[in-house]
C-alpha atoms as a PDB file:
ATOM      1  CA  MET A   1      90.975 109.126 153.487  1.00  0.00           C
ATOM      2  CA  SER A   2      87.852 111.489 153.423  1.00  0.00           C
ATOM      3  CA  LEU A   3      85.827 111.385 150.291  1.00  0.00           C
ATOM      4  CA  PHE A   4      86.950 114.959 149.336  1.00  0.00           C
ATOM      5  CA  ALA A   5      90.529 113.914 149.715  1.00  0.00           C
ATOM      6  CA  ARG A   6      89.596 110.918 147.281  1.00  0.00           C
ATOM      7  CA  LEU A   7      87.970 113.171 144.962  1.00  0.00           C
ATOM      8  CA  ALA A   8      91.072 115.562 144.646  1.00  0.00           C
ATOM      9  CA  ALA A   9      93.361 112.842 144.123  1.00  0.00           C
ATOM     10  CA  LEU A  10      91.301 111.574 141.471  1.00  0.00           C
ATOM     11  CA  LEU A  11      90.996 114.909 139.663  1.00  0.00           C
ATOM     12  CA  VAL A  12      94.851 115.477 140.228  1.00  0.00           C
ATOM     13  CA  LEU A  13      95.319 111.840 138.193  1.00  0.00           C
ATOM     14  CA  LEU A  14      93.014 113.020 135.502  1.00  0.00           C
ATOM     15  CA  ALA A  15      94.458 116.189 135.117  1.00  0.00           C
ATOM     16  CA  ALA A  16      98.173 114.666 134.909  1.00  0.00           C
ATOM     17  CA  GLY A  17      96.578 112.081 132.247  1.00  0.00           C
ATOM     18  CA  ALA A  18      95.071 114.654 130.220  1.00  0.00           C
ATOM     19  CA  GLY A  19      98.350 116.388 130.199  1.00  0.00           C
ATOM     20  CA  VAL A  20     100.597 113.433 128.765  1.00  0.00           C
ATOM     21  CA  ALA A  21      97.753 112.485 125.994  1.00  0.00           C
ATOM     22  CA  ARG A  22      98.348 116.246 125.220  1.00  0.00           C
ATOM     23  CA  ALA A  23     102.017 116.171 125.027  1.00  0.00           C
ATOM     24  CA  GLU A  24     102.585 115.978 121.319  1.00  0.00           C
ATOM     25  CA  THR A  25      99.769 117.494 119.080  1.00  0.00           C
ATOM     26  CA  LEU A  26     100.310 116.813 115.306  1.00  0.00           C
ATOM     27  CA  ILE A  27      99.477 119.406 112.756  1.00  0.00           C
ATOM     28  CA  ALA A  28      99.505 118.376 109.109  1.00  0.00           C
ATOM     29  CA  ALA A  29      98.809 120.023 105.675  1.00  0.00           C
ATOM     30  CA  MET A  30      98.783 118.813 102.243  1.00  0.00           C
ATOM     31  CA  SER A  31      99.779 120.110  98.821  1.00  0.00           C
ATOM     32  CA  SER A  32      97.075 119.689  96.899  1.00  0.00           C
ATOM     33  CA  HIS A  33      93.329 118.420  97.946  1.00  0.00           C
ATOM     34  CA  GLN A  34      92.160 117.541  94.373  1.00  0.00           C
ATOM     35  CA  ILE A  35      93.623 115.524  91.511  1.00  0.00           C
ATOM     36  CA  LEU A  36      92.066 116.180  88.276  1.00  0.00           C
ATOM     37  CA  ILE A  37      91.907 113.625  85.620  1.00  0.00           C
ATOM     38  CA  THR A  38      92.145 114.445  82.022  1.00  0.00           C
ATOM     39  CA  SER A  39      92.568 112.569  78.825  1.00  0.00           C
ATOM     40  CA  ASN A  40      96.431 112.952  79.272  1.00  0.00           C
ATOM     41  CA  TYR A  41      96.165 111.997  82.786  1.00  0.00           C
ATOM     42  CA  THR A  42      99.531 109.534  83.603  1.00  0.00           C
ATOM     43  CA  GLY A  43      99.375 109.799  87.448  1.00  0.00           C
ATOM     44  CA  SER A  44      99.778 112.440  90.195  1.00  0.00           C
ATOM     45  CA  GLN A  45     101.727 112.965  93.447  1.00  0.00           C
ATOM     46  CA  LEU A  46     100.686 114.802  96.715  1.00  0.00           C
ATOM     47  CA  THR A  47     103.058 115.969  99.220  1.00  0.00           C
ATOM     48  CA  VAL A  48     102.182 115.378 103.227  1.00  0.00           C
ATOM     49  CA  PHE A  49     103.815 118.257 105.532  1.00  0.00           C
ATOM     50  CA  GLY A  50     103.775 117.864 109.332  1.00  0.00           C
ATOM     51  CA  VAL A  51     105.149 119.299 112.271  1.00  0.00           C
ATOM     52  CA  VAL A  52     105.282 117.617 116.159  1.00  0.00           C
ATOM     53  CA  GLU A  53     104.249 120.133 118.635  1.00  0.00           C
ATOM     54  CA  ARG A  54     105.304 119.438 122.238  1.00  0.00           C
ATOM     55  CA  ASP A  55     104.085 121.015 125.288  1.00  0.00           C
ATOM     56  CA  GLY A  56     106.784 122.881 126.637  1.00  0.00           C
ATOM     57  CA  ARG A  57     105.857 121.492 130.080  1.00  0.00           C
ATOM     58  CA  THR A  58     106.819 117.867 129.281  1.00  0.00           C
ATOM     59  CA  VAL A  59     110.281 116.518 129.485  1.00  0.00           C
ATOM     60  CA  ALA A  60     111.291 115.317 126.337  1.00  0.00           C
ATOM     61  CA  ARG A  61     111.329 111.418 125.344  1.00  0.00           C
ATOM     62  CA  GLY A  62     114.106 109.447 125.221  1.00  0.00           C
ATOM     63  CA  ASP A  63     112.882 107.439 122.292  1.00  0.00           C
ATOM     64  CA  PRO A  64     112.894 109.426 118.832  1.00  0.00           C
ATOM     65  CA  TYR A  65     109.513 110.318 116.952  1.00  0.00           C
ATOM     66  CA  ASP A  66     107.861 107.846 114.020  1.00  0.00           C
ATOM     67  CA  ILE A  67     105.834 108.892 111.596  1.00  0.00           C
ATOM     68  CA  VAL A  68     103.147 106.147 109.575  1.00  0.00           C
ATOM     69  CA  VAL A  69     101.160 108.320 106.733  1.00  0.00           C
ATOM     70  CA  THR A  70      98.398 105.843 105.415  1.00  0.00           C
ATOM     71  CA  ALA A  71      96.524 106.597 102.467  1.00  0.00           C
ATOM     72  CA  ARG A  72      93.387 104.838 101.843  1.00  0.00           C
ATOM     73  CA  GLY A  73      90.355 105.059  99.439  1.00  0.00           C
ATOM     74  CA  PRO A  74      87.545 104.734  98.000  1.00  0.00           C
ATOM     75  CA  ARG A  75      86.024 102.126  99.811  1.00  0.00           C
ATOM     76  CA  ARG A  76      84.182  99.036  98.036  1.00  0.00           C
ATOM     77  CA  MET A  77      82.986  95.543  98.656  1.00  0.00           C
ATOM     78  CA  LEU A  78      85.783  93.654  97.080  1.00  0.00           C
ATOM     79  CA  LEU A  79      85.137  89.905  95.968  1.00  0.00           C
ATOM     80  CA  VAL A  80      87.808  87.224  95.239  1.00  0.00           C
ATOM     81  CA  ARG A  81      87.257  84.122  93.767  1.00  0.00           C
ATOM     82  CA  GLU A  82      89.731  81.121  93.373  1.00  0.00           C
ATOM     83  CA  LYS A  83      89.691  79.140  90.295  1.00  0.00           C
ATOM     84  CA  GLU A  84      90.180  75.313  90.300  1.00  0.00           C
ATOM     85  CA  ARG A  85      91.047  72.853  87.508  1.00  0.00           C
ATOM     86  CA  LEU A  86      87.901  70.583  86.676  1.00  0.00           C
ATOM     87  CA  GLY A  87      89.066  68.309  83.664  1.00  0.00           C
ATOM     88  CA  PRO A  88      90.348  70.623  80.703  1.00  0.00           C
ATOM     89  CA  ILE A  89      88.732  73.842  82.103  1.00  0.00           C
ATOM     90  CA  TRP A  90      89.177  76.677  85.081  1.00  0.00           C
ATOM     91  CA  ILE A  91      85.957  77.432  86.945  1.00  0.00           C
ATOM     92  CA  ASN A  92      85.234  79.423  90.296  1.00  0.00           C
ATOM     93  CA  ARG A  93      84.821  76.972  92.878  1.00  0.00           C
ATOM     94  CA  THR A  94      85.447  78.944  96.293  1.00  0.00           C
ATOM     95  CA  GLN A  95      84.962  83.012  96.883  1.00  0.00           C
ATOM     96  CA  ARG A  96      85.736  85.489  99.669  1.00  0.00           C
ATOM     97  CA  ARG A  97      84.027  88.750 100.370  1.00  0.00           C
ATOM     98  CA  PHE A  98      85.808  91.810 101.843  1.00  0.00           C
ATOM     99  CA  PRO A  99      83.381  94.379 102.948  1.00  0.00           C
ATOM    100  CA  ASP A 100      84.243  97.908 103.090  1.00  0.00           C
ATOM    101  CA  SER A 101      87.827  97.697 101.684  1.00  0.00           C
ATOM    102  CA  SER A 102      89.654 100.265 100.120  1.00  0.00           C
ATOM    103  CA  LEU A 103      90.459 100.035  96.342  1.00  0.00           C
ATOM    104  CA  PHE A 104      94.053 102.005  97.224  1.00  0.00           C
ATOM    105  CA  LEU A 105      96.178 101.904 100.055  1.00  0.00           C
ATOM    106  CA  THR A 106      99.812 102.775 100.457  1.00  0.00           C
ATOM    107  CA  VAL A 107     101.720 102.896 103.593  1.00  0.00           C
ATOM    108  CA  ALA A 108     104.721 105.139 104.196  1.00  0.00           C
ATOM    109  CA  SER A 109     106.635 105.570 107.320  1.00  0.00           C
ATOM    110  CA  ASN A 110     110.667 106.677 108.097  1.00  0.00           C
ATOM    111  CA  ARG A 111     111.866 103.443 109.034  1.00  0.00           C
ATOM    112  CA  PRO A 112     110.560  99.649 108.438  1.00  0.00           C
ATOM    113  CA  LEU A 113     107.062  99.373 110.522  1.00  0.00           C
ATOM    114  CA  SER A 114     108.610  96.453 112.309  1.00  0.00           C
ATOM    115  CA  GLU A 115     111.102  98.636 114.082  1.00  0.00           C
ATOM    116  CA  ILE A 116     107.933 101.080 114.757  1.00  0.00           C
ATOM    117  CA  VAL A 117     105.466  98.899 116.108  1.00  0.00           C
ATOM    118  CA  SER A 118     105.193  95.294 117.525  1.00  0.00           C
ATOM    119  CA  PRO A 119     103.403  92.787 115.726  1.00  0.00           C
ATOM    120  CA  GLU A 120     100.028  92.917 117.546  1.00  0.00           C
ATOM    121  CA  THR A 121      99.874  96.646 117.824  1.00  0.00           C
ATOM    122  CA  ALA A 122     100.056  96.603 113.754  1.00  0.00           C
ATOM    123  CA  ARG A 123      97.218  94.400 113.603  1.00  0.00           C
ATOM    124  CA  ARG A 124      95.078  95.904 116.222  1.00  0.00           C
ATOM    125  CA  GLU A 125      95.641  99.140 114.966  1.00  0.00           C
ATOM    126  CA  ARG A 126      95.509  97.927 111.319  1.00  0.00           C
ATOM    127  CA  VAL A 127      98.825  99.524 110.504  1.00  0.00           C
ATOM    128  CA  GLY A 128     100.445  97.974 107.302  1.00  0.00           C
ATOM    129  CA  LEU A 129      99.564  96.227 104.024  1.00  0.00           C
ATOM    130  CA  GLU A 130      99.272  92.964 105.433  1.00  0.00           C
ATOM    131  CA  ASN A 131      96.889  93.758 107.912  1.00  0.00           C
ATOM    132  CA  ALA A 132      94.667  96.031 105.788  1.00  0.00           C
ATOM    133  CA  HIS A 133      91.920  93.158 105.495  1.00  0.00           C
ATOM    134  CA  LYS A 134      92.748  91.423 108.877  1.00  0.00           C
ATOM    135  CA  THR A 135      90.349  91.472 112.174  1.00  0.00           C
ATOM    136  CA  ARG A 136      91.034  92.829 115.578  1.00  0.00           C
ATOM    137  CA  ASP A 137      90.847  89.594 116.605  1.00  0.00           C
ATOM    138  CA  ALA A 138      93.723  87.246 115.925  1.00  0.00           C
ATOM    139  CA  ALA A 139      91.626  84.098 116.385  1.00  0.00           C
ATOM    140  CA  LEU A 140      89.422  84.962 113.729  1.00  0.00           C
ATOM    141  CA  ASP A 141      92.103  85.058 111.138  1.00  0.00           C
ATOM    142  CA  LEU A 142      93.879  81.731 111.892  1.00  0.00           C
ATOM    143  CA  ASP A 143      91.601  80.303 109.113  1.00  0.00           C
ATOM    144  CA  THR A 144      93.759  79.307 106.052  1.00  0.00           C
ATOM    145  CA  THR A 145      91.400  79.662 103.424  1.00  0.00           C
ATOM    146  CA  THR A 146      90.500  83.604 104.625  1.00  0.00           C
ATOM    147  CA  ALA A 147      94.362  84.029 105.065  1.00  0.00           C
ATOM    148  CA  ARG A 148      95.218  82.386 101.548  1.00  0.00           C
ATOM    149  CA  PHE A 149      92.204  84.760  99.820  1.00  0.00           C
ATOM    150  CA  SER A 150      93.721  87.711 102.065  1.00  0.00           C
ATOM    151  CA  ASP A 151      96.891  87.276 100.389  1.00  0.00           C
ATOM    152  CA  GLY A 152      95.673  86.701  96.972  1.00  0.00           C
ATOM    153  CA  LEU A 153      93.464  90.151  97.357  1.00  0.00           C
ATOM    154  CA  LEU A 154      96.815  92.057  98.109  1.00  0.00           C
ATOM    155  CA  ARG A 155      98.892  90.549  95.804  1.00  0.00           C
ATOM    156  CA  ILE A 156      96.278  91.244  92.871  1.00  0.00           C
ATOM    157  CA  LEU A 157      96.037  95.157  94.027  1.00  0.00           C
ATOM    158  CA  SER A 158      99.915  95.459  94.546  1.00  0.00           C
ATOM    159  CA  GLU A 159     100.454  93.982  90.850  1.00  0.00           C
ATOM    160  CA  LYS A 160      98.227  96.784  89.963  1.00  0.00           C
ATOM    161  CA  GLY A 161      99.795  99.235  91.482  1.00  0.00           C
ATOM    162  CA  LEU A 162      97.035 100.222  93.964  1.00  0.00           C
ATOM    163  CA  TYR A 163      98.528  99.047  97.049  1.00  0.00           C
ATOM    164  CA  SER A 164     102.447 100.082  98.283  1.00  0.00           C
ATOM    165  CA  ALA A 165     104.361 100.651 100.845  1.00  0.00           C
ATOM    166  CA  GLU A 166     107.388 103.068 101.622  1.00  0.00           C
ATOM    167  CA  GLU A 167     109.702 102.202 104.227  1.00  0.00           C
ATOM    168  CA  ARG A 168     111.604 105.200 103.874  1.00  0.00           C
ATOM    169  CA  GLY A 169     108.625 107.157 102.632  1.00  0.00           C
ATOM    170  CA  VAL A 170     108.749 109.741 105.528  1.00  0.00           C
ATOM    171  CA  THR A 171     111.468 112.204 105.834  1.00  0.00           C
ATOM    172  CA  PHE A 172     112.444 114.105 108.850  1.00  0.00           C
ATOM    173  CA  LEU A 173     113.286 117.700 108.106  1.00  0.00           C
ATOM    174  CA  SER A 174     114.160 118.442 111.522  1.00  0.00           C
ATOM    175  CA  SER A 175     113.444 116.821 114.682  1.00  0.00           C
ATOM    176  CA  THR A 176     109.848 117.847 114.377  1.00  0.00           C
ATOM    177  CA  VAL A 177     109.181 118.559 110.810  1.00  0.00           C
ATOM    178  CA  PHE A 178     108.566 116.014 108.281  1.00  0.00           C
ATOM    179  CA  SER A 179     107.190 115.227 104.703  1.00  0.00           C
ATOM    180  CA  ALA A 180     105.889 112.616 102.813  1.00  0.00           C
ATOM    181  CA  PRO A 181     105.280 112.287  99.012  1.00  0.00           C
ATOM    182  CA  ILE A 182     102.035 110.083  97.847  1.00  0.00           C
ATOM    183  CA  GLU A 183     102.236 108.665  94.476  1.00  0.00           C
ATOM    184  CA  VAL A 184      98.608 108.318  93.110  1.00  0.00           C
ATOM    185  CA  PRO A 185      99.052 105.884  89.767  1.00  0.00           C
ATOM    186  CA  ALA A 186      96.779 106.574  86.791  1.00  0.00           C
ATOM    187  CA  THR A 187      94.961 103.509  87.791  1.00  0.00           C
ATOM    188  CA  ALA A 188      93.520 105.315  91.199  1.00  0.00           C
ATOM    189  CA  PRO A 189      89.992 105.286  90.646  1.00  0.00           C
ATOM    190  CA  THR A 190      87.763 108.381  91.229  1.00  0.00           C
ATOM    191  CA  GLY A 191      86.252 109.160  94.453  1.00  0.00           C
ATOM    192  CA  SER A 192      87.500 110.473  98.263  1.00  0.00           C
ATOM    193  CA  TYR A 193      90.498 109.496  99.961  1.00  0.00           C
ATOM    194  CA  GLU A 194      91.609 109.617 103.664  1.00  0.00           C
ATOM    195  CA  ILE A 195      95.195 110.329 104.760  1.00  0.00           C
ATOM    196  CA  GLU A 196      95.717 109.513 108.457  1.00  0.00           C
ATOM    197  CA  ILE A 197      98.977 110.323 109.781  1.00  0.00           C
ATOM    198  CA  VAL A 198      99.947 108.680 113.287  1.00  0.00           C
ATOM    199  CA  LEU A 199     102.830 109.861 115.638  1.00  0.00           C
ATOM    200  CA  TYR A 200     104.929 107.026 117.517  1.00  0.00           C
ATOM    201  CA  ALA A 201     107.449 107.010 120.024  1.00  0.00           C
ATOM    202  CA  GLY A 202     108.868 103.613 121.630  1.00  0.00           C
ATOM    203  CA  GLY A 203     106.354 101.675 119.682  1.00  0.00           C
ATOM    204  CA  VAL A 204     103.237 104.062 121.576  1.00  0.00           C
ATOM    205  CA  PRO A 205     100.927 105.976 119.594  1.00  0.00           C
ATOM    206  CA  LEU A 206     100.879 109.915 120.789  1.00  0.00           C
ATOM    207  CA  ALA A 207      98.800 111.743 118.330  1.00  0.00           C
ATOM    208  CA  ARG A 208      97.334 111.038 115.006  1.00  0.00           C
ATOM    209  CA  GLN A 209      95.756 113.511 112.321  1.00  0.00           C
ATOM    210  CA  THR A 210      93.364 113.043 109.390  1.00  0.00           C
ATOM    211  CA  THR A 211      93.077 114.917 106.417  1.00  0.00           C
ATOM    212  CA  ASN A 212      91.477 113.878 102.998  1.00  0.00           C
ATOM    213  CA  PHE A 213      91.762 114.547  98.977  1.00  0.00           C
ATOM    214  CA  GLU A 214      89.419 113.613  95.865  1.00  0.00           C
ATOM    215  CA  VAL A 215      90.530 112.113  92.722  1.00  0.00           C
ATOM    216  CA  VAL A 216      87.811 113.595  90.007  1.00  0.00           C
ATOM    217  CA  LYS A 217      87.209 113.716  86.067  1.00  0.00           C
ATOM    218  CA  SER A 218      88.044 116.792  84.483  1.00  0.00           C
ATOM    219  CA  GLY A 219      87.136 118.285  81.058  1.00  0.00           C
ATOM    220  CA  MET A 220      85.700 115.784  78.341  1.00  0.00           C
ATOM    221  CA  GLU A 221      86.080 113.016  80.533  1.00  0.00           C
ATOM    222  CA  GLN A 222      83.937 114.484  83.434  1.00  0.00           C
ATOM    223  CA  ARG A 223      80.926 115.535  80.774  1.00  0.00           C
ATOM    224  CA  LEU A 224      81.020 112.101  79.788  1.00  0.00           C
ATOM    225  CA  ALA A 225      80.663 110.553  83.360  1.00  0.00           C
ATOM    226  CA  ALA A 226      78.029 113.007  84.383  1.00  0.00           C
ATOM    227  CA  GLY A 227      76.026 112.459  81.184  1.00  0.00           C
ATOM    228  CA  ALA A 228      76.225 108.551  81.559  1.00  0.00           C
ATOM    229  CA  HIS A 229      74.568 108.810  85.124  1.00  0.00           C
ATOM    230  CA  GLU A 230      72.413 111.758  84.500  1.00  0.00           C
ATOM    231  CA  LEU A 231      71.010 110.696  81.042  1.00  0.00           C
ATOM    232  CA  PRO A 232      71.983 106.727  81.083  1.00  0.00           C
ATOM    233  CA  LEU A 233      69.204 106.483  78.032  1.00  0.00           C
ATOM    234  CA  VAL A 234      70.396 109.142  75.800  1.00  0.00           C
ATOM    235  CA  TYR A 235      74.056 108.273  76.490  1.00  0.00           C
ATOM    236  CA  GLY A 236      73.312 104.365  75.632  1.00  0.00           C
ATOM    237  CA  LEU A 237      71.241 105.584  72.325  1.00  0.00           C
ATOM    238  CA  VAL A 238      74.409 107.963  71.326  1.00  0.00           C
ATOM    239  CA  THR A 239      76.976 105.313  72.243  1.00  0.00           C
ATOM    240  CA  VAL A 240      74.687 102.857  69.829  1.00  0.00           C
ATOM    241  CA  LEU A 241      74.394 105.312  67.250  1.00  0.00           C
ATOM    242  CA  MET A 242      78.451 106.222  67.070  1.00  0.00           C
ATOM    243  CA  ALA A 243      79.113 102.416  67.188  1.00  0.00           C
ATOM    244  CA  LEU A 244      76.980 101.870  63.892  1.00  0.00           C
ATOM    245  CA  LEU A 245      78.128 105.127  62.334  1.00  0.00           C
ATOM    246  CA  LEU A 246      81.896 104.050  62.895  1.00  0.00           C
ATOM    247  CA  GLY A 247      80.845 100.598  61.626  1.00  0.00           C
ATOM    248  CA  TRP A 248      79.670 102.037  58.516  1.00  0.00           C
ATOM    249  CA  LEU A 249      82.361 104.230  57.709  1.00  0.00           C
ATOM    250  CA  ALA A 250      84.733 101.140  58.290  1.00  0.00           C
ATOM    251  CA  SER A 251      82.876  99.354  55.893  1.00  0.00           C
ATOM    252  CA  VAL A 252      83.035 102.065  53.069  1.00  0.00           C
ATOM    253  CA  VAL A 253      87.005 102.883  53.751  1.00  0.00           C
ATOM    254  CA  PHE A 254      87.909  99.273  53.544  1.00  0.00           C
ATOM    255  CA  ARG A 255      85.391  98.122  51.049  1.00  0.00           C
ATOM    256  CA  ARG A 256      87.127  95.829  48.219  1.00  0.00           C
ATOM    257  CA  ASP A 257      86.061  96.784  44.716  1.00  0.00           C
END
């Protein structure tokens, strides 16, 4: 085969591969991109809407579509300590750091993740709560001590309502249109959050889309937080003076004659 024929064949293969890669695309939108925290804030809910667009020139797939929606953020260095009993007291003996970890994580799918992707793919793509703090190399996660701390971190954040999974959290309104509500609890920290929507078919990721939203303080809470960061000395002095004033008022009100 001549060099020209080889180049032509390569271009045909690349074009075919590009056509397959673009067979499906995701278009997603959110009901809101900002959550305002006020004095009576008790949590909020956002809704992700999306549609799967198919290239009309491609044949229909034999496997149905699956959607996995992951909301995470803000990212911090998380430290987990393990207490051990030493005589009559409990002390911190061992600890593990989890750098660049999400304080909030929720995973929603249209059916259980075990029916959508294989365990190997879930680990590699870090899909699901149990894979959030694992590395892409399975051999590095064989350390039982690290696994114990990872399970402990997952348990602690789940008990606080910051980590959750909804196996039926995504609803297909038609074969290509879906929606997914995202519950944001009152304990969710302020900051920037990312939402990733991944389209699967037959356990293979076909397309993905990302969007984001923010949790910010509003009203008096926002002004107090801004004052604490911009004028920390003044904020500290005012806080001390208010504490002294309240203490004096309490002594006057409850003073015994």
